[in-house]
Amino acid sequence: MSVSELQREDRGQSSVVILGMLVILLLTAAVVAGATAVNLEARKLLSAADGASSAAAQSASAAGASPSLSENQVRAAAQDYLSDSGAYQRFTAVEITQASTADGGATAQVELAAAVELPILSWVLPAQVTVTAESHARVSLNR
């Protein structure tokens, strides 16, 4: 084989390598964008869960020597907070997955879940991830 025949056989090979590297680069960018979107939504959901548990703790009724909470109070206060703060509009399919008390009604526990759409990947796949956030707030008595 002559040199010119070898050059003709190699023609176009670099295009395939460049195209393959471009696909890998785009897929990496899509994964990074998706992970960033999930992380940001999880942080926003945690902020909403913090507010909901704090609102629940502040709604404690003073029955006896120290204020205490019931699970119904925690759920109702959390729902009111989410409605008032606009969380139902900001998040996709947000719901209170758990509203409970601990320490004899002195701590409000709220867990929220929401769906996150993955950017770029949702064009190809039904890409939706559920994120959850849990927060606790303690009832305080100031005299």
N, C-alpha and C. Protein backbone atom coordinates (compact mmCIF):
# COMPACT_ATOMS: atom_id res chain seq x y z
N MET A 1 0.84 -1.18 0.00
CA MET A 1 0.00 0.00 0.00
C MET A 1 0.88 1.24 0.00
N SER A 2 0.44 2.17 -0.77
CA SER A 2 1.19 3.41 -0.84
C SER A 2 0.69 4.38 0.22
N VAL A 3 1.42 5.44 0.38
CA VAL A 3 1.08 6.45 1.38
C VAL A 3 -0.25 7.11 1.04
N SER A 4 -0.49 7.35 -0.21
CA SER A 4 -1.74 8.01 -0.62
C SER A 4 -2.95 7.11 -0.35
N GLU A 5 -2.81 5.80 -0.49
CA GLU A 5 -3.92 4.88 -0.19
C GLU A 5 -4.21 4.87 1.31
N LEU A 6 -3.18 4.90 2.16
CA LEU A 6 -3.38 4.95 3.61
C LEU A 6 -4.06 6.25 4.04
N GLN A 7 -3.70 7.35 3.40
CA GLN A 7 -4.33 8.62 3.74
C GLN A 7 -5.80 8.62 3.36
N ARG A 8 -6.16 8.00 2.24
CA ARG A 8 -7.56 7.92 1.84
C ARG A 8 -8.37 7.09 2.83
N GLU A 9 -7.80 6.03 3.40
CA GLU A 9 -8.50 5.19 4.36
C GLU A 9 -8.72 5.91 5.69
N ASP A 10 -7.82 6.80 6.08
CA ASP A 10 -7.92 7.53 7.34
C ASP A 10 -8.78 8.78 7.24
N ARG A 11 -9.15 9.16 6.05
CA ARG A 11 -9.93 10.36 5.85
C ARG A 11 -11.29 10.21 6.55
N GLY A 12 -11.69 11.21 7.36
CA GLY A 12 -12.99 11.18 8.04
C GLY A 12 -12.94 10.57 9.43
N GLN A 13 -11.84 9.96 9.82
CA GLN A 13 -11.74 9.32 11.13
C GLN A 13 -11.78 10.35 12.26
N SER A 14 -11.17 11.49 12.07
CA SER A 14 -11.16 12.50 13.13
C SER A 14 -12.56 13.08 13.35
N SER A 15 -13.38 13.11 12.33
CA SER A 15 -14.75 13.61 12.48
C SER A 15 -15.56 12.72 13.42
N VAL A 16 -15.36 11.43 13.32
CA VAL A 16 -16.06 10.49 14.18
C VAL A 16 -15.61 10.67 15.63
N VAL A 17 -14.33 10.85 15.85
CA VAL A 17 -13.80 11.05 17.20
C VAL A 17 -14.33 12.36 17.79
N ILE A 18 -14.33 13.42 17.00
CA ILE A 18 -14.83 14.71 17.47
C ILE A 18 -16.32 14.62 17.78
N LEU A 19 -17.08 13.97 16.94
CA LEU A 19 -18.51 13.81 17.19
C LEU A 19 -18.77 13.01 18.46
N GLY A 20 -18.01 11.96 18.68
CA GLY A 20 -18.16 11.16 19.90
C GLY A 20 -17.83 11.96 21.15
N MET A 21 -16.78 12.74 21.10
CA MET A 21 -16.41 13.58 22.24
C MET A 21 -17.47 14.64 22.51
N LEU A 22 -18.07 15.19 21.46
CA LEU A 22 -19.12 16.19 21.61
C LEU A 22 -20.35 15.58 22.29
N VAL A 23 -20.72 14.37 21.91
CA VAL A 23 -21.86 13.70 22.54
C VAL A 23 -21.57 13.45 24.02
N ILE A 24 -20.39 13.00 24.35
CA ILE A 24 -20.02 12.77 25.76
C ILE A 24 -20.06 14.07 26.53
N LEU A 25 -19.58 15.15 25.96
CA LEU A 25 -19.58 16.45 26.61
C LEU A 25 -21.02 16.94 26.86
N LEU A 26 -21.90 16.78 25.89
CA LEU A 26 -23.30 17.20 26.05
C LEU A 26 -24.02 16.36 27.10
N LEU A 27 -23.77 15.07 27.12
CA LEU A 27 -24.39 14.22 28.14
C LEU A 27 -23.90 14.58 29.54
N THR A 28 -22.62 14.89 29.66
CA THR A 28 -22.08 15.31 30.96
C THR A 28 -22.73 16.61 31.41
N ALA A 29 -22.89 17.56 30.50
CA ALA A 29 -23.54 18.83 30.83
C ALA A 29 -24.99 18.61 31.26
N ALA A 30 -25.69 17.68 30.61
CA ALA A 30 -27.08 17.39 30.98
C ALA A 30 -27.16 16.78 32.37
N VAL A 31 -26.25 15.90 32.70
CA VAL A 31 -26.25 15.29 34.03
C VAL A 31 -25.94 16.32 35.11
N VAL A 32 -24.97 17.20 34.85
CA VAL A 32 -24.62 18.24 35.82
C VAL A 32 -25.79 19.20 36.01
N ALA A 33 -26.46 19.59 34.93
CA ALA A 33 -27.61 20.48 35.03
C ALA A 33 -28.74 19.82 35.80
N GLY A 34 -28.96 18.55 35.58
CA GLY A 34 -29.99 17.82 36.32
C GLY A 34 -29.69 17.73 37.80
N ALA A 35 -28.45 17.41 38.13
CA ALA A 35 -28.07 17.32 39.54
C ALA A 35 -28.18 18.67 40.24
N THR A 36 -27.82 19.73 39.54
CA THR A 36 -27.93 21.07 40.11
C THR A 36 -29.38 21.44 40.34
N ALA A 37 -30.26 21.13 39.40
CA ALA A 37 -31.68 21.44 39.55
C ALA A 37 -32.28 20.70 40.74
N VAL A 38 -31.93 19.43 40.90
CA VAL A 38 -32.44 18.66 42.03
C VAL A 38 -31.93 19.23 43.35
N ASN A 39 -30.66 19.59 43.41
CA ASN A 39 -30.09 20.16 44.63
C ASN A 39 -30.76 21.48 45.00
N LEU A 40 -30.97 22.35 44.01
CA LEU A 40 -31.61 23.64 44.29
C LEU A 40 -33.04 23.46 44.78
N GLU A 41 -33.79 22.58 44.16
CA GLU A 41 -35.17 22.35 44.59
C GLU A 41 -35.23 21.72 45.97
N ALA A 42 -34.27 20.84 46.28
CA ALA A 42 -34.23 20.24 47.61
C ALA A 42 -33.96 21.30 48.67
N ARG A 43 -33.09 22.25 48.37
CA ARG A 43 -32.80 23.33 49.32
C ARG A 43 -34.02 24.23 49.50
N LYS A 44 -34.71 24.54 48.42
CA LYS A 44 -35.92 25.35 48.52
C LYS A 44 -37.00 24.62 49.32
N LEU A 45 -37.12 23.32 49.10
CA LEU A 45 -38.11 22.53 49.82
C LEU A 45 -37.75 22.46 51.31
N LEU A 46 -36.47 22.37 51.62
CA LEU A 46 -36.04 22.38 53.02
C LEU A 46 -36.41 23.70 53.69
N SER A 47 -36.26 24.79 52.97
CA SER A 47 -36.65 26.09 53.51
C SER A 47 -38.15 26.14 53.79
N ALA A 48 -38.94 25.59 52.88
CA ALA A 48 -40.39 25.55 53.10
C ALA A 48 -40.73 24.64 54.28
N ALA A 49 -40.03 23.52 54.42
CA ALA A 49 -40.28 22.61 55.55
C ALA A 49 -39.89 23.27 56.87
N ASP A 50 -38.80 24.04 56.87
CA ASP A 50 -38.40 24.78 58.08
C ASP A 50 -39.48 25.77 58.48
N GLY A 51 -40.01 26.50 57.52
CA GLY A 51 -41.06 27.46 57.80
C GLY A 51 -42.33 26.79 58.30
N ALA A 52 -42.68 25.66 57.70
CA ALA A 52 -43.89 24.94 58.10
C ALA A 52 -43.76 24.39 59.51
N SER A 53 -42.61 23.83 59.85
CA SER A 53 -42.45 23.29 61.21
C SER A 53 -42.38 24.42 62.24
N SER A 54 -41.78 25.53 61.87
CA SER A 54 -41.74 26.68 62.77
C SER A 54 -43.14 27.25 63.00
N ALA A 55 -43.92 27.34 61.93
CA ALA A 55 -45.31 27.81 62.08
C ALA A 55 -46.11 26.86 62.95
N ALA A 56 -45.86 25.57 62.82
CA ALA A 56 -46.56 24.58 63.65
C ALA A 56 -46.17 24.73 65.11
N ALA A 57 -44.89 24.95 65.37
CA ALA A 57 -44.43 25.11 66.75
C ALA A 57 -45.03 26.37 67.37
N GLN A 58 -45.17 27.43 66.58
CA GLN A 58 -45.73 28.67 67.09
C GLN A 58 -47.24 28.58 67.34
N SER A 59 -47.88 27.57 66.75
CA SER A 59 -49.32 27.42 66.94
C SER A 59 -49.67 26.56 68.15
N ALA A 60 -48.70 26.24 68.97
CA ALA A 60 -48.92 25.38 70.13
C ALA A 60 -49.91 26.03 71.09
N SER A 61 -50.77 25.20 71.63
CA SER A 61 -51.76 25.71 72.60
C SER A 61 -51.25 25.46 74.01
N ALA A 62 -51.47 26.43 74.86
CA ALA A 62 -51.01 26.32 76.24
C ALA A 62 -52.04 25.56 77.05
N ALA A 63 -51.82 24.29 77.18
CA ALA A 63 -52.71 23.44 77.98
C ALA A 63 -51.91 22.95 79.17
N GLY A 64 -52.17 23.51 80.30
CA GLY A 64 -51.43 23.10 81.50
C GLY A 64 -50.19 23.94 81.70
N ALA A 65 -49.16 23.34 82.24
CA ALA A 65 -47.94 24.06 82.60
C ALA A 65 -47.10 24.45 81.40
N SER A 66 -47.12 23.64 80.34
CA SER A 66 -46.30 23.95 79.16
C SER A 66 -47.13 23.77 77.89
N PRO A 67 -46.84 24.58 76.87
CA PRO A 67 -47.57 24.43 75.61
C PRO A 67 -47.23 23.10 74.93
N SER A 68 -48.21 22.55 74.25
CA SER A 68 -47.97 21.29 73.54
C SER A 68 -48.73 21.29 72.23
N LEU A 69 -48.35 20.37 71.37
CA LEU A 69 -48.93 20.24 70.03
C LEU A 69 -49.58 18.89 69.85
N SER A 70 -50.57 18.86 68.97
CA SER A 70 -51.12 17.58 68.53
C SER A 70 -50.74 17.41 67.05
N GLU A 71 -50.83 16.20 66.56
CA GLU A 71 -50.49 15.96 65.16
C GLU A 71 -51.43 16.71 64.22
N ASN A 72 -52.69 16.82 64.59
CA ASN A 72 -53.64 17.58 63.77
C ASN A 72 -53.26 19.06 63.70
N GLN A 73 -52.79 19.62 64.82
CA GLN A 73 -52.35 21.01 64.83
C GLN A 73 -51.14 21.20 63.93
N VAL A 74 -50.22 20.28 63.99
CA VAL A 74 -49.01 20.38 63.17
C VAL A 74 -49.38 20.34 61.69
N ARG A 75 -50.21 19.39 61.30
CA ARG A 75 -50.61 19.28 59.89
C ARG A 75 -51.36 20.52 59.43
N ALA A 76 -52.32 21.00 60.24
CA ALA A 76 -53.11 22.18 59.86
C ALA A 76 -52.23 23.42 59.75
N ALA A 77 -51.33 23.62 60.71
CA ALA A 77 -50.44 24.79 60.67
C ALA A 77 -49.49 24.70 59.47
N ALA A 78 -49.01 23.52 59.18
CA ALA A 78 -48.11 23.34 58.03
C ALA A 78 -48.85 23.63 56.73
N GLN A 79 -50.08 23.14 56.59
CA GLN A 79 -50.86 23.40 55.39
C GLN A 79 -51.15 24.89 55.23
N ASP A 80 -51.50 25.54 56.34
CA ASP A 80 -51.75 26.99 56.29
C ASP A 80 -50.50 27.74 55.86
N TYR A 81 -49.35 27.35 56.42
CA TYR A 81 -48.10 28.02 56.06
C TYR A 81 -47.79 27.82 54.58
N LEU A 82 -47.94 26.60 54.07
CA LEU A 82 -47.63 26.34 52.67
C LEU A 82 -48.57 27.12 51.74
N SER A 83 -49.83 27.25 52.14
CA SER A 83 -50.78 28.04 51.34
C SER A 83 -50.42 29.52 51.37
N ASP A 84 -50.16 30.04 52.56
CA ASP A 84 -49.85 31.46 52.71
C ASP A 84 -48.54 31.85 52.03
N SER A 85 -47.56 30.96 52.05
CA SER A 85 -46.25 31.27 51.46
C SER A 85 -46.19 31.03 49.96
N GLY A 86 -47.22 30.43 49.39
CA GLY A 86 -47.24 30.18 47.95
C GLY A 86 -46.46 28.94 47.53
N ALA A 87 -46.20 28.05 48.47
CA ALA A 87 -45.41 26.85 48.16
C ALA A 87 -46.13 25.92 47.19
N TYR A 88 -47.46 25.91 47.24
CA TYR A 88 -48.20 25.04 46.33
C TYR A 88 -48.05 25.50 44.88
N GLN A 89 -47.75 26.77 44.68
CA GLN A 89 -47.53 27.27 43.33
C GLN A 89 -46.06 27.15 42.92
N ARG A 90 -45.15 27.25 43.87
CA ARG A 90 -43.71 27.21 43.55
C ARG A 90 -43.20 25.81 43.25
N PHE A 91 -43.79 24.80 43.88
CA PHE A 91 -43.31 23.42 43.73
C PHE A 91 -44.31 22.59 42.96
N THR A 92 -43.80 21.59 42.25
CA THR A 92 -44.64 20.65 41.52
C THR A 92 -45.04 19.52 42.45
N ALA A 93 -46.31 19.31 42.61
CA ALA A 93 -46.87 18.20 43.40
C ALA A 93 -46.31 18.16 44.83
N VAL A 94 -46.28 19.31 45.49
CA VAL A 94 -45.80 19.33 46.87
C VAL A 94 -46.88 18.77 47.79
N GLU A 95 -46.44 17.99 48.76
CA GLU A 95 -47.38 17.43 49.72
C GLU A 95 -46.69 17.23 51.06
N ILE A 96 -47.50 17.23 52.10
CA ILE A 96 -46.99 16.95 53.44
C ILE A 96 -47.04 15.44 53.61
N THR A 97 -45.89 14.81 53.65
CA THR A 97 -45.85 13.36 53.76
C THR A 97 -45.90 12.90 55.21
N GLN A 98 -45.47 13.77 56.12
CA GLN A 98 -45.51 13.42 57.54
C GLN A 98 -45.64 14.69 58.35
N ALA A 99 -46.56 14.68 59.30
CA ALA A 99 -46.71 15.76 60.27
C ALA A 99 -46.94 15.09 61.61
N SER A 100 -45.97 15.22 62.49
CA SER A 100 -46.07 14.51 63.76
C SER A 100 -45.46 15.35 64.87
N THR A 101 -45.57 14.81 66.09
CA THR A 101 -44.99 15.47 67.25
C THR A 101 -44.02 14.51 67.93
N ALA A 102 -43.15 15.08 68.73
CA ALA A 102 -42.20 14.29 69.51
C ALA A 102 -42.04 14.98 70.86
N ASP A 103 -41.40 14.30 71.77
CA ASP A 103 -41.13 14.84 73.11
C ASP A 103 -42.41 15.29 73.81
N GLY A 104 -43.44 14.48 73.71
CA GLY A 104 -44.69 14.79 74.39
C GLY A 104 -45.41 16.01 73.85
N GLY A 105 -45.26 16.29 72.58
CA GLY A 105 -45.92 17.44 71.97
C GLY A 105 -45.10 18.71 72.00
N ALA A 106 -43.84 18.62 72.41
CA ALA A 106 -42.99 19.81 72.49
C ALA A 106 -42.22 20.07 71.19
N THR A 107 -42.20 19.12 70.26
CA THR A 107 -41.48 19.27 68.99
C THR A 107 -42.41 18.94 67.83
N ALA A 108 -42.42 19.84 66.84
CA ALA A 108 -43.19 19.62 65.62
C ALA A 108 -42.26 19.06 64.55
N GLN A 109 -42.68 18.00 63.90
CA GLN A 109 -41.89 17.38 62.83
C GLN A 109 -42.71 17.43 61.55
N VAL A 110 -42.13 18.00 60.50
CA VAL A 110 -42.82 18.12 59.21
C VAL A 110 -41.91 17.58 58.12
N GLU A 111 -42.47 16.73 57.27
CA GLU A 111 -41.73 16.22 56.11
C GLU A 111 -42.53 16.55 54.86
N LEU A 112 -41.87 17.17 53.89
CA LEU A 112 -42.49 17.55 52.62
C LEU A 112 -41.86 16.76 51.48
N ALA A 113 -42.65 16.54 50.45
CA ALA A 113 -42.14 15.90 49.23
C ALA A 113 -42.64 16.71 48.03
N ALA A 114 -41.80 16.79 47.01
CA ALA A 114 -42.17 17.50 45.78
C ALA A 114 -41.46 16.84 44.61
N ALA A 115 -42.01 17.04 43.42
CA ALA A 115 -41.42 16.50 42.20
C ALA A 115 -40.55 17.57 41.54
N VAL A 116 -39.43 17.15 40.97
CA VAL A 116 -38.51 18.06 40.28
C VAL A 116 -38.36 17.58 38.84
N GLU A 117 -38.60 18.48 37.90
CA GLU A 117 -38.38 18.18 36.49
C GLU A 117 -36.90 18.35 36.18
N LEU A 118 -36.31 17.38 35.53
CA LEU A 118 -34.90 17.47 35.16
C LEU A 118 -34.77 18.24 33.83
N PRO A 119 -33.97 19.31 33.82
CA PRO A 119 -33.80 20.04 32.57
C PRO A 119 -33.03 19.20 31.55
N ILE A 120 -33.24 19.46 30.31
CA ILE A 120 -32.60 18.82 29.16
C ILE A 120 -33.03 17.36 29.03
N LEU A 121 -32.88 16.56 30.09
CA LEU A 121 -33.23 15.15 30.00
C LEU A 121 -34.73 14.93 29.83
N SER A 122 -35.55 15.88 30.28
CA SER A 122 -37.00 15.71 30.17
C SER A 122 -37.46 15.80 28.71
N TRP A 123 -36.60 16.28 27.82
CA TRP A 123 -36.94 16.28 26.40
C TRP A 123 -36.90 14.86 25.84
N VAL A 124 -36.07 14.01 26.44
CA VAL A 124 -35.85 12.66 25.93
C VAL A 124 -36.55 11.62 26.81
N LEU A 125 -36.45 11.80 28.11
CA LEU A 125 -36.97 10.83 29.07
C LEU A 125 -38.08 11.46 29.91
N PRO A 126 -38.96 10.65 30.46
CA PRO A 126 -39.91 11.20 31.43
C PRO A 126 -39.16 11.42 32.75
N ALA A 127 -38.34 12.45 32.78
CA ALA A 127 -37.40 12.64 33.88
C ALA A 127 -37.99 13.54 34.95
N GLN A 128 -38.46 12.91 36.02
CA GLN A 128 -38.98 13.61 37.17
C GLN A 128 -38.48 12.89 38.41
N VAL A 129 -37.94 13.65 39.36
CA VAL A 129 -37.37 13.08 40.56
C VAL A 129 -38.15 13.62 41.75
N THR A 130 -38.43 12.76 42.72
CA THR A 130 -39.09 13.20 43.94
C THR A 130 -38.04 13.52 44.99
N VAL A 131 -38.13 14.72 45.56
CA VAL A 131 -37.22 15.12 46.63
C VAL A 131 -38.04 15.29 47.91
N THR A 132 -37.41 15.01 49.04
CA THR A 132 -38.08 15.17 50.32
C THR A 132 -37.21 16.04 51.23
N ALA A 133 -37.86 16.70 52.16
CA ALA A 133 -37.16 17.52 53.15
C ALA A 133 -37.89 17.38 54.47
N GLU A 134 -37.12 17.24 55.53
CA GLU A 134 -37.69 17.06 56.87
C GLU A 134 -37.15 18.15 57.78
N SER A 135 -38.04 18.68 58.63
CA SER A 135 -37.62 19.72 59.56
C SER A 135 -38.31 19.52 60.91
N HIS A 136 -37.64 19.95 61.96
CA HIS A 136 -38.14 19.86 63.32
C HIS A 136 -38.09 21.25 63.93
N ALA A 137 -39.11 21.59 64.71
CA ALA A 137 -39.10 22.84 65.45
C ALA A 137 -39.63 22.58 66.85
N ARG A 138 -39.00 23.19 67.81
CA ARG A 138 -39.35 22.96 69.21
C ARG A 138 -40.19 24.12 69.71
N VAL A 139 -41.20 23.78 70.48
CA VAL A 139 -42.05 24.79 71.10
C VAL A 139 -41.26 25.45 72.22
N SER A 140 -41.22 26.78 72.21
CA SER A 140 -40.51 27.47 73.27
C SER A 140 -41.48 28.33 74.06
N LEU A 141 -41.23 28.41 75.33
CA LEU A 141 -42.07 29.18 76.23
C LEU A 141 -41.23 30.30 76.81
N ASN A 142 -41.58 31.53 76.46
CA ASN A 142 -40.86 32.70 76.97
C ASN A 142 -41.74 33.41 77.99
N ARG A 143 -41.15 33.66 79.14
CA ARG A 143 -41.93 34.37 80.18
C ARG A 143 -41.23 35.63 80.57
